[in-house]
């Protein structure tokens, strides 16, 4: 990438920003900052939001926040960039504080913005931040009819251990997708509710949805963790005979594990 850039005689702003974004996304902090200086030296203006994103991904949150404060009129993209920066660096208290300020200034995130925040906060385990997201989405009706939004919220609650809330969201989805079923099976499975995951897996098949390799891996993991030998072997057999799938090493590993757990 850098070689192509160096060999290009006529470099437009798009090319500069593409290289800068690539460095930032791959966490090459030194190269990112060096390239930023080169851009400034070349007389190019860098977008304030791009700078926030760059500094955040390099771990320089104080710099990112200073840029954020310097923006005279902060739009939705500015707030989202800063929020994502905090979430990316696992600064959950700062993210929560910023979200409340955003609400006070009547900045309403759209579905795309909330999806980014939800995705980044799903692994946080911050009940306060998750609670704010849940309340905010419901209060403002963001993505109310969106299966994609529902899937993201369901995944967020499942990863935070709130299986009851995840099930409520799942039951309210009118047009369920394979992602919906995968999430409602994987959620209980990773929280130690093997029987619940197995029941959802059976329900999925009854309602005519075809499980894929990821779903089978989730249900086999659930059976393994719960010591459900018969159910695990049944699922493994069904994977090959009913759906014609070739098990991977991970699928075989789950079967071996469930066999080892049986006395």
C-alpha atoms as a PDB file:
ATOM      1  CA  UNK A   1       0.000   0.000   0.000  1.00  0.00           C
ATOM      2  CA  UNK A   2       2.667   2.493   1.035  1.00  0.00           C
ATOM      3  CA  UNK A   3       4.808   1.534  -1.957  1.00  0.00           C
ATOM      4  CA  UNK A   4       1.948   2.186  -4.378  1.00  0.00           C
ATOM      5  CA  UNK A   5       1.334   5.534  -2.708  1.00  0.00           C
ATOM      6  CA  UNK A   6       5.023   6.484  -2.891  1.00  0.00           C
ATOM      7  CA  UNK A   7       5.193   5.586  -6.580  1.00  0.00           C
ATOM      8  CA  UNK A   8       2.091   7.635  -7.445  1.00  0.00           C
ATOM      9  CA  UNK A   9       3.025  11.057  -8.776  1.00  0.00           C
ATOM     10  CA  UNK A  10      -0.404  12.702  -8.575  1.00  0.00           C
ATOM     11  CA  UNK A  11      -1.949  12.057  -5.165  1.00  0.00           C
ATOM     12  CA  UNK A  12      -5.437  13.334  -4.502  1.00  0.00           C
ATOM     13  CA  UNK A  13      -7.050  13.764  -1.038  1.00  0.00           C
ATOM     14  CA  UNK A  14      -8.935  10.484  -1.451  1.00  0.00           C
ATOM     15  CA  UNK A  15      -5.684   8.550  -1.786  1.00  0.00           C
ATOM     16  CA  UNK A  16      -4.145  10.296   1.228  1.00  0.00           C
ATOM     17  CA  UNK A  17      -7.192   9.545   3.384  1.00  0.00           C
ATOM     18  CA  UNK A  18      -7.334   5.935   2.211  1.00  0.00           C
ATOM     19  CA  UNK A  19      -3.787   5.277   3.371  1.00  0.00           C
ATOM     20  CA  UNK A  20      -4.384   7.125   6.634  1.00  0.00           C
ATOM     21  CA  UNK A  21      -7.545   5.114   7.321  1.00  0.00           C
ATOM     22  CA  UNK A  22      -5.775   1.843   6.552  1.00  0.00           C
ATOM     23  CA  UNK A  23      -2.993   2.579   9.030  1.00  0.00           C
ATOM     24  CA  UNK A  24      -5.475   3.626  11.725  1.00  0.00           C
ATOM     25  CA  UNK A  25      -7.735   0.609  11.235  1.00  0.00           C
ATOM     26  CA  UNK A  26      -4.795  -1.784  11.578  1.00  0.00           C
ATOM     27  CA  UNK A  27      -3.522  -0.057  14.727  1.00  0.00           C
ATOM     28  CA  UNK A  28      -0.231   1.111  13.207  1.00  0.00           C
ATOM     29  CA  UNK A  29       0.033   4.040  15.618  1.00  0.00           C
ATOM     30  CA  UNK A  30       3.474   5.320  14.608  1.00  0.00           C
ATOM     31  CA  UNK A  31       2.735   5.137  10.871  1.00  0.00           C
ATOM     32  CA  UNK A  32      -0.652   6.781  11.383  1.00  0.00           C
ATOM     33  CA  UNK A  33       0.767   9.774  13.223  1.00  0.00           C
ATOM     34  CA  UNK A  34       3.696  10.098  10.827  1.00  0.00           C
ATOM     35  CA  UNK A  35       1.371  10.006   7.848  1.00  0.00           C
ATOM     36  CA  UNK A  36      -0.852  12.631   9.447  1.00  0.00           C
ATOM     37  CA  UNK A  37       2.125  14.964   9.804  1.00  0.00           C
ATOM     38  CA  UNK A  38       3.007  14.326   6.167  1.00  0.00           C
ATOM     39  CA  UNK A  39      -0.517  15.263   5.118  1.00  0.00           C
ATOM     40  CA  UNK A  40      -0.396  18.500   7.067  1.00  0.00           C
ATOM     41  CA  UNK A  41       3.065  19.304   5.629  1.00  0.00           C
ATOM     42  CA  UNK A  42       1.637  18.788   2.133  1.00  0.00           C
ATOM     43  CA  UNK A  43      -0.981  21.439   2.792  1.00  0.00           C
ATOM     44  CA  UNK A  44      -3.928  19.072   2.989  1.00  0.00           C
ATOM     45  CA  UNK A  45      -6.717  19.719   5.468  1.00  0.00           C
ATOM     46  CA  UNK A  46      -7.770  16.724   7.518  1.00  0.00           C
ATOM     47  CA  UNK A  47     -11.403  16.276   8.489  1.00  0.00           C
ATOM     48  CA  UNK A  48     -11.957  16.834  12.266  1.00  0.00           C
ATOM     49  CA  UNK A  49     -13.990  13.655  12.584  1.00  0.00           C
ATOM     50  CA  UNK A  50     -11.278  11.656  10.810  1.00  0.00           C
ATOM     51  CA  UNK A  51      -8.747  13.011  13.310  1.00  0.00           C
ATOM     52  CA  UNK A  52     -10.931  11.941  16.240  1.00  0.00           C
ATOM     53  CA  UNK A  53     -11.181   8.465  14.765  1.00  0.00           C
ATOM     54  CA  UNK A  54      -7.451   8.317  14.075  1.00  0.00           C
ATOM     55  CA  UNK A  55      -6.334   9.436  17.532  1.00  0.00           C
ATOM     56  CA  UNK A  56      -8.878   7.097  19.162  1.00  0.00           C
ATOM     57  CA  UNK A  57      -7.650   4.049  17.280  1.00  0.00           C
ATOM     58  CA  UNK A  58      -4.086   4.937  18.206  1.00  0.00           C
ATOM     59  CA  UNK A  59      -5.057   5.163  21.866  1.00  0.00           C
ATOM     60  CA  UNK A  60      -4.633   8.935  22.184  1.00  0.00           C
ATOM     61  CA  UNK A  61      -8.058   9.683  23.621  1.00  0.00           C
ATOM     62  CA  UNK A  62      -7.054  12.993  25.192  1.00  0.00           C
ATOM     63  CA  UNK A  63      -5.994  14.276  21.769  1.00  0.00           C
ATOM     64  CA  UNK A  64      -9.196  12.925  20.245  1.00  0.00           C
ATOM     65  CA  UNK A  65     -11.307  14.691  22.849  1.00  0.00           C
ATOM     66  CA  UNK A  66      -9.438  17.965  22.355  1.00  0.00           C
ATOM     67  CA  UNK A  67     -10.198  17.822  18.628  1.00  0.00           C
ATOM     68  CA  UNK A  68     -13.814  17.019  19.479  1.00  0.00           C
ATOM     69  CA  UNK A  69     -14.050  20.075  21.738  1.00  0.00           C
ATOM     70  CA  UNK A  70     -12.481  22.317  19.096  1.00  0.00           C
ATOM     71  CA  UNK A  71     -15.206  21.554  16.545  1.00  0.00           C
ATOM     72  CA  UNK A  72     -17.441  24.661  16.571  1.00  0.00           C
ATOM     73  CA  UNK A  73     -20.600  22.902  15.426  1.00  0.00           C
ATOM     74  CA  UNK A  74     -20.603  19.234  16.382  1.00  0.00           C
ATOM     75  CA  UNK A  75     -22.855  17.128  14.217  1.00  0.00           C
ATOM     76  CA  UNK A  76     -24.019  13.535  14.617  1.00  0.00           C
ATOM     77  CA  UNK A  77     -20.860  12.193  12.975  1.00  0.00           C
ATOM     78  CA  UNK A  78     -18.661  14.086  15.448  1.00  0.00           C
ATOM     79  CA  UNK A  79     -20.496  12.702  18.465  1.00  0.00           C
ATOM     80  CA  UNK A  80     -20.503   9.207  17.001  1.00  0.00           C
ATOM     81  CA  UNK A  81     -16.758   9.334  16.287  1.00  0.00           C
ATOM     82  CA  UNK A  82     -15.993  10.312  19.870  1.00  0.00           C
ATOM     83  CA  UNK A  83     -18.427   7.762  21.306  1.00  0.00           C
ATOM     84  CA  UNK A  84     -16.916   5.005  19.175  1.00  0.00           C
ATOM     85  CA  UNK A  85     -13.456   6.089  20.278  1.00  0.00           C
ATOM     86  CA  UNK A  86     -14.327   5.622  23.929  1.00  0.00           C
ATOM     87  CA  UNK A  87     -16.008   2.283  23.277  1.00  0.00           C
ATOM     88  CA  UNK A  88     -13.072   1.107  21.136  1.00  0.00           C
ATOM     89  CA  UNK A  89     -10.695   1.793  24.031  1.00  0.00           C
ATOM     90  CA  UNK A  90     -13.054   0.294  26.613  1.00  0.00           C
ATOM     91  CA  UNK A  91     -13.515   3.659  28.391  1.00  0.00           C
ATOM     92  CA  UNK A  92     -17.086   2.908  29.353  1.00  0.00           C
ATOM     93  CA  UNK A  93     -17.600   5.606  31.969  1.00  0.00           C
ATOM     94  CA  UNK A  94     -16.466   8.255  29.511  1.00  0.00           C
ATOM     95  CA  UNK A  95     -18.753   6.783  26.839  1.00  0.00           C
ATOM     96  CA  UNK A  96     -21.717   6.880  29.200  1.00  0.00           C
ATOM     97  CA  UNK A  97     -20.960  10.473  30.210  1.00  0.00           C
ATOM     98  CA  UNK A  98     -20.676  11.508  26.563  1.00  0.00           C
ATOM     99  CA  UNK A  99     -23.943   9.767  25.679  1.00  0.00           C
ATOM    100  CA  UNK A 100     -25.770  11.749  28.357  1.00  0.00           C
ATOM    101  CA  UNK A 101     -24.255  15.016  27.081  1.00  0.00           C
ATOM    102  CA  UNK A 102     -25.324  14.084  23.586  1.00  0.00           C
ATOM    103  CA  UNK A 103     -28.877  13.579  24.802  1.00  0.00           C
ATOM    104  CA  UNK A 104     -28.828  16.931  26.634  1.00  0.00           C
ATOM    105  CA  UNK A 105     -27.852  18.687  23.411  1.00  0.00           C
ATOM    106  CA  UNK A 106     -30.739  17.003  21.582  1.00  0.00           C
ATOM    107  CA  UNK A 107     -28.482  15.034  19.254  1.00  0.00           C
ATOM    108  CA  UNK A 108     -30.468  11.965  18.230  1.00  0.00           C
ATOM    109  CA  UNK A 109     -28.409   9.086  16.807  1.00  0.00           C
ATOM    110  CA  UNK A 110     -29.833   7.331  13.779  1.00  0.00           C
ATOM    111  CA  UNK A 111     -30.037   3.566  13.360  1.00  0.00           C
ATOM    112  CA  UNK A 112     -26.595   3.315  11.774  1.00  0.00           C
ATOM    113  CA  UNK A 113     -25.000   5.262  14.630  1.00  0.00           C
ATOM    114  CA  UNK A 114     -26.728   3.208  17.314  1.00  0.00           C
ATOM    115  CA  UNK A 115     -25.726  -0.016  15.564  1.00  0.00           C
ATOM    116  CA  UNK A 116     -22.075   1.038  15.792  1.00  0.00           C
ATOM    117  CA  UNK A 117     -22.416   1.884  19.476  1.00  0.00           C
ATOM    118  CA  UNK A 118     -24.349  -1.306  20.285  1.00  0.00           C
ATOM    119  CA  UNK A 119     -21.824  -3.480  18.490  1.00  0.00           C
ATOM    120  CA  UNK A 120     -18.889  -1.919  20.319  1.00  0.00           C
ATOM    121  CA  UNK A 121     -20.641  -2.046  23.701  1.00  0.00           C
ATOM    122  CA  UNK A 122     -21.882  -5.633  23.393  1.00  0.00           C
ATOM    123  CA  UNK A 123     -18.672  -6.998  24.906  1.00  0.00           C
ATOM    124  CA  UNK A 124     -18.347  -4.306  27.551  1.00  0.00           C
ATOM    125  CA  UNK A 125     -20.361  -5.919  30.322  1.00  0.00           C
ATOM    126  CA  UNK A 126     -21.335  -2.418  31.497  1.00  0.00           C
ATOM    127  CA  UNK A 127     -24.922  -2.767  32.685  1.00  0.00           C
ATOM    128  CA  UNK A 128     -25.276   0.986  33.051  1.00  0.00           C
ATOM    129  CA  UNK A 129     -24.198   1.677  29.478  1.00  0.00           C
ATOM    130  CA  UNK A 130     -26.294  -1.195  28.128  1.00  0.00           C
ATOM    131  CA  UNK A 131     -29.249   0.113  30.131  1.00  0.00           C
ATOM    132  CA  UNK A 132     -28.835   3.573  28.639  1.00  0.00           C
ATOM    133  CA  UNK A 133     -28.677   2.145  25.113  1.00  0.00           C
ATOM    134  CA  UNK A 134     -31.785   0.039  25.690  1.00  0.00           C
ATOM    135  CA  UNK A 135     -33.716   2.981  27.130  1.00  0.00           C
ATOM    136  CA  UNK A 136     -32.549   5.390  24.452  1.00  0.00           C
ATOM    137  CA  UNK A 137     -33.441   3.105  21.560  1.00  0.00           C
ATOM    138  CA  UNK A 138     -36.888   2.417  22.995  1.00  0.00           C
ATOM    139  CA  UNK A 139     -37.547   6.051  23.925  1.00  0.00           C
ATOM    140  CA  UNK A 140     -36.690   7.376  20.468  1.00  0.00           C
ATOM    141  CA  UNK A 141     -38.121   4.460  18.498  1.00  0.00           C
ATOM    142  CA  UNK A 142     -34.809   3.916  16.694  1.00  0.00           C
ATOM    143  CA  UNK A 143     -34.992   0.890  14.403  1.00  0.00           C
ATOM    144  CA  UNK A 144     -38.295  -0.150  15.922  1.00  0.00           C
ATOM    145  CA  UNK A 145     -39.216  -2.346  12.958  1.00  0.00           C
ATOM    146  CA  UNK A 146     -35.648  -3.314  12.104  1.00  0.00           C
ATOM    147  CA  UNK A 147     -34.697  -6.964  12.494  1.00  0.00           C
ATOM    148  CA  UNK A 148     -31.034  -5.969  12.246  1.00  0.00           C
ATOM    149  CA  UNK A 149     -31.374  -3.611  15.210  1.00  0.00           C
ATOM    150  CA  UNK A 150     -33.267  -6.222  17.212  1.00  0.00           C
ATOM    151  CA  UNK A 151     -30.570  -8.794  16.493  1.00  0.00           C
ATOM    152  CA  UNK A 152     -27.884  -6.386  17.692  1.00  0.00           C
ATOM    153  CA  UNK A 153     -29.771  -5.558  20.899  1.00  0.00           C
ATOM    154  CA  UNK A 154     -30.441  -9.232  21.530  1.00  0.00           C
ATOM    155  CA  UNK A 155     -26.751 -10.043  21.096  1.00  0.00           C
ATOM    156  CA  UNK A 156     -25.794  -7.191  23.431  1.00  0.00           C
ATOM    157  CA  UNK A 157     -28.061  -8.425  26.223  1.00  0.00           C
ATOM    158  CA  UNK A 158     -27.022 -12.050  25.727  1.00  0.00           C
ATOM    159  CA  UNK A 159     -23.325 -11.156  25.993  1.00  0.00           C
ATOM    160  CA  UNK A 160     -24.084  -9.268  29.196  1.00  0.00           C
ATOM    161  CA  UNK A 161     -25.845 -12.329  30.623  1.00  0.00           C
ATOM    162  CA  UNK A 162     -29.394 -10.981  30.420  1.00  0.00           C
ATOM    163  CA  UNK A 163     -30.916 -13.965  28.633  1.00  0.00           C
ATOM    164  CA  UNK A 164     -34.437 -13.061  29.739  1.00  0.00           C
ATOM    165  CA  UNK A 165     -34.251  -9.702  27.951  1.00  0.00           C
ATOM    166  CA  UNK A 166     -32.652 -11.330  24.911  1.00  0.00           C
ATOM    167  CA  UNK A 167     -35.569 -13.768  24.717  1.00  0.00           C
ATOM    168  CA  UNK A 168     -38.090 -10.937  25.006  1.00  0.00           C
ATOM    169  CA  UNK A 169     -36.500  -9.169  22.060  1.00  0.00           C
ATOM    170  CA  UNK A 170     -36.343 -12.402  20.061  1.00  0.00           C
ATOM    171  CA  UNK A 171     -40.014 -13.153  20.670  1.00  0.00           C
ATOM    172  CA  UNK A 172     -40.925  -9.683  19.430  1.00  0.00           C
ATOM    173  CA  UNK A 173     -39.118 -10.019  16.084  1.00  0.00           C
ATOM    174  CA  UNK A 174     -41.715 -10.386  13.329  1.00  0.00           C
ATOM    175  CA  UNK A 175     -39.313 -11.407  10.564  1.00  0.00           C
ATOM    176  CA  UNK A 176     -36.678 -13.625  12.160  1.00  0.00           C
ATOM    177  CA  UNK A 177     -33.483 -14.329  10.225  1.00  0.00           C
ATOM    178  CA  UNK A 178     -30.749 -16.926  10.581  1.00  0.00           C
ATOM    179  CA  UNK A 179     -28.811 -14.344  12.594  1.00  0.00           C
ATOM    180  CA  UNK A 180     -31.767 -14.063  14.991  1.00  0.00           C
ATOM    181  CA  UNK A 181     -31.798 -17.810  15.594  1.00  0.00           C
ATOM    182  CA  UNK A 182     -28.015 -18.014  15.857  1.00  0.00           C
ATOM    183  CA  UNK A 183     -28.014 -15.310  18.519  1.00  0.00           C
ATOM    184  CA  UNK A 184     -30.816 -16.813  20.614  1.00  0.00           C
ATOM    185  CA  UNK A 185     -29.078 -20.203  20.528  1.00  0.00           C
ATOM    186  CA  UNK A 186     -25.556 -18.927  21.127  1.00  0.00           C
ATOM    187  CA  UNK A 187     -26.639 -16.549  23.926  1.00  0.00           C
ATOM    188  CA  UNK A 188     -27.942 -19.201  26.340  1.00  0.00           C
ATOM    189  CA  UNK A 189     -25.158 -21.565  25.264  1.00  0.00           C
ATOM    190  CA  UNK A 190     -22.356 -19.211  26.292  1.00  0.00           C
ATOM    191  CA  UNK A 191     -24.133 -18.438  29.585  1.00  0.00           C
ATOM    192  CA  UNK A 192     -24.402 -22.057  30.663  1.00  0.00           C
ATOM    193  CA  UNK A 193     -28.050 -22.651  29.687  1.00  0.00           C
ATOM    194  CA  UNK A 194     -27.518 -25.709  27.508  1.00  0.00           C
ATOM    195  CA  UNK A 195     -31.053 -27.067  27.739  1.00  0.00           C
ATOM    196  CA  UNK A 196     -32.560 -23.715  26.782  1.00  0.00           C
ATOM    197  CA  UNK A 197     -30.215 -23.484  23.791  1.00  0.00           C
ATOM    198  CA  UNK A 198     -31.201 -26.999  22.703  1.00  0.00           C
ATOM    199  CA  UNK A 199     -34.915 -26.194  22.938  1.00  0.00           C
ATOM    200  CA  UNK A 200     -34.402 -23.117  20.761  1.00  0.00           C
ATOM    201  CA  UNK A 201     -32.455 -25.241  18.291  1.00  0.00           C
ATOM    202  CA  UNK A 202     -35.371 -27.675  18.055  1.00  0.00           C
ATOM    203  CA  UNK A 203     -37.813 -24.785  17.691  1.00  0.00           C
ATOM    204  CA  UNK A 204     -35.712 -23.365  14.873  1.00  0.00           C
ATOM    205  CA  UNK A 205     -35.978 -26.582  12.909  1.00  0.00           C
ATOM    206  CA  UNK A 206     -39.703 -26.963  13.591  1.00  0.00           C
ATOM    207  CA  UNK A 207     -40.310 -23.501  12.147  1.00  0.00           C
ATOM    208  CA  UNK A 208     -38.496 -24.429   8.957  1.00  0.00           C
ATOM    209  CA  UNK A 209     -35.183 -22.610   9.400  1.00  0.00           C
ATOM    210  CA  UNK A 210     -32.039 -24.397   8.248  1.00  0.00           C
ATOM    211  CA  UNK A 211     -29.141 -24.238  10.725  1.00  0.00           C
ATOM    212  CA  UNK A 212     -25.671 -23.557   9.374  1.00  0.00           C
ATOM    213  CA  UNK A 213     -22.232 -24.616  10.614  1.00  0.00           C
ATOM    214  CA  UNK A 214     -22.099 -21.759  13.134  1.00  0.00           C
ATOM    215  CA  UNK A 215     -25.429 -22.756  14.689  1.00  0.00           C
ATOM    216  CA  UNK A 216     -24.297 -26.371  14.949  1.00  0.00           C
ATOM    217  CA  UNK A 217     -21.062 -25.288  16.614  1.00  0.00           C
ATOM    218  CA  UNK A 218     -23.052 -23.249  19.165  1.00  0.00           C
ATOM    219  CA  UNK A 219     -25.449 -26.070  19.989  1.00  0.00           C
ATOM    220  CA  UNK A 220     -22.670 -28.662  20.202  1.00  0.00           C
ATOM    221  CA  UNK A 221     -20.768 -26.349  22.554  1.00  0.00           C
ATOM    222  CA  UNK A 222     -23.905 -25.956  24.658  1.00  0.00           C
ATOM    223  CA  UNK A 223     -24.416 -29.719  24.823  1.00  0.00           C
ATOM    224  CA  UNK A 224     -20.773 -30.191  25.746  1.00  0.00           C
ATOM    225  CA  UNK A 225     -20.861 -27.617  28.552  1.00  0.00           C
ATOM    226  CA  UNK A 226     -24.113 -29.050  29.934  1.00  0.00           C
ATOM    227  CA  UNK A 227     -22.990 -32.676  29.634  1.00  0.00           C
ATOM    228  CA  UNK A 228     -25.910 -33.453  27.306  1.00  0.00           C
ATOM    229  CA  UNK A 229     -24.468 -36.521  25.587  1.00  0.00           C
ATOM    230  CA  UNK A 230     -27.550 -37.841  23.779  1.00  0.00           C
ATOM    231  CA  UNK A 231     -28.603 -34.407  22.527  1.00  0.00           C
ATOM    232  CA  UNK A 232     -25.061 -33.606  21.392  1.00  0.00           C
ATOM    233  CA  UNK A 233     -24.662 -36.826  19.444  1.00  0.00           C
ATOM    234  CA  UNK A 234     -28.114 -36.359  17.926  1.00  0.00           C
ATOM    235  CA  UNK A 235     -27.195 -32.860  16.705  1.00  0.00           C
ATOM    236  CA  UNK A 236     -23.857 -34.058  15.348  1.00  0.00           C
ATOM    237  CA  UNK A 237     -25.537 -36.882  13.436  1.00  0.00           C
ATOM    238  CA  UNK A 238     -28.251 -34.543  12.116  1.00  0.00           C
ATOM    239  CA  UNK A 239     -25.598 -32.167  10.833  1.00  0.00           C
ATOM    240  CA  UNK A 240     -24.311 -34.824   8.456  1.00  0.00           C
ATOM    241  CA  UNK A 241     -27.374 -36.931   7.643  1.00  0.00           C
ATOM    242  CA  UNK A 242     -30.119 -34.296   7.541  1.00  0.00           C
ATOM    243  CA  UNK A 243     -28.167 -31.319   6.208  1.00  0.00           C
ATOM    244  CA  UNK A 244     -25.241 -32.887   4.387  1.00  0.00           C
ATOM    245  CA  UNK A 245     -22.645 -30.780   6.148  1.00  0.00           C
ATOM    246  CA  UNK A 246     -19.036 -31.802   6.684  1.00  0.00           C
ATOM    247  CA  UNK A 247     -18.043 -31.236  10.321  1.00  0.00           C
ATOM    248  CA  UNK A 248     -14.975 -29.128  10.984  1.00  0.00           C
ATOM    249  CA  UNK A 249     -12.292 -29.851  13.550  1.00  0.00           C
ATOM    250  CA  UNK A 250     -14.178 -27.563  15.957  1.00  0.00           C
ATOM    251  CA  UNK A 251     -17.357 -29.655  15.624  1.00  0.00           C
ATOM    252  CA  UNK A 252     -15.410 -32.852  16.261  1.00  0.00           C
ATOM    253  CA  UNK A 253     -13.739 -31.191  19.233  1.00  0.00           C
ATOM    254  CA  UNK A 254     -17.119 -30.470  20.829  1.00  0.00           C
ATOM    255  CA  UNK A 255     -18.195 -34.103  20.389  1.00  0.00           C
ATOM    256  CA  UNK A 256     -14.969 -35.362  21.920  1.00  0.00           C
ATOM    257  CA  UNK A 257     -15.424 -32.939  24.794  1.00  0.00           C
ATOM    258  CA  UNK A 258     -19.004 -34.047  25.537  1.00  0.00           C
ATOM    259  CA  UNK A 259     -17.899 -37.707  25.474  1.00  0.00           C
ATOM    260  CA  UNK A 260     -15.118 -36.920  27.939  1.00  0.00           C
ATOM    261  CA  UNK A 261     -17.553 -35.279  30.353  1.00  0.00           C
ATOM    262  CA  UNK A 262     -19.668 -38.407  30.676  1.00  0.00           C
ATOM    263  CA  UNK A 263     -18.731 -40.756  33.516  1.00  0.00           C
END
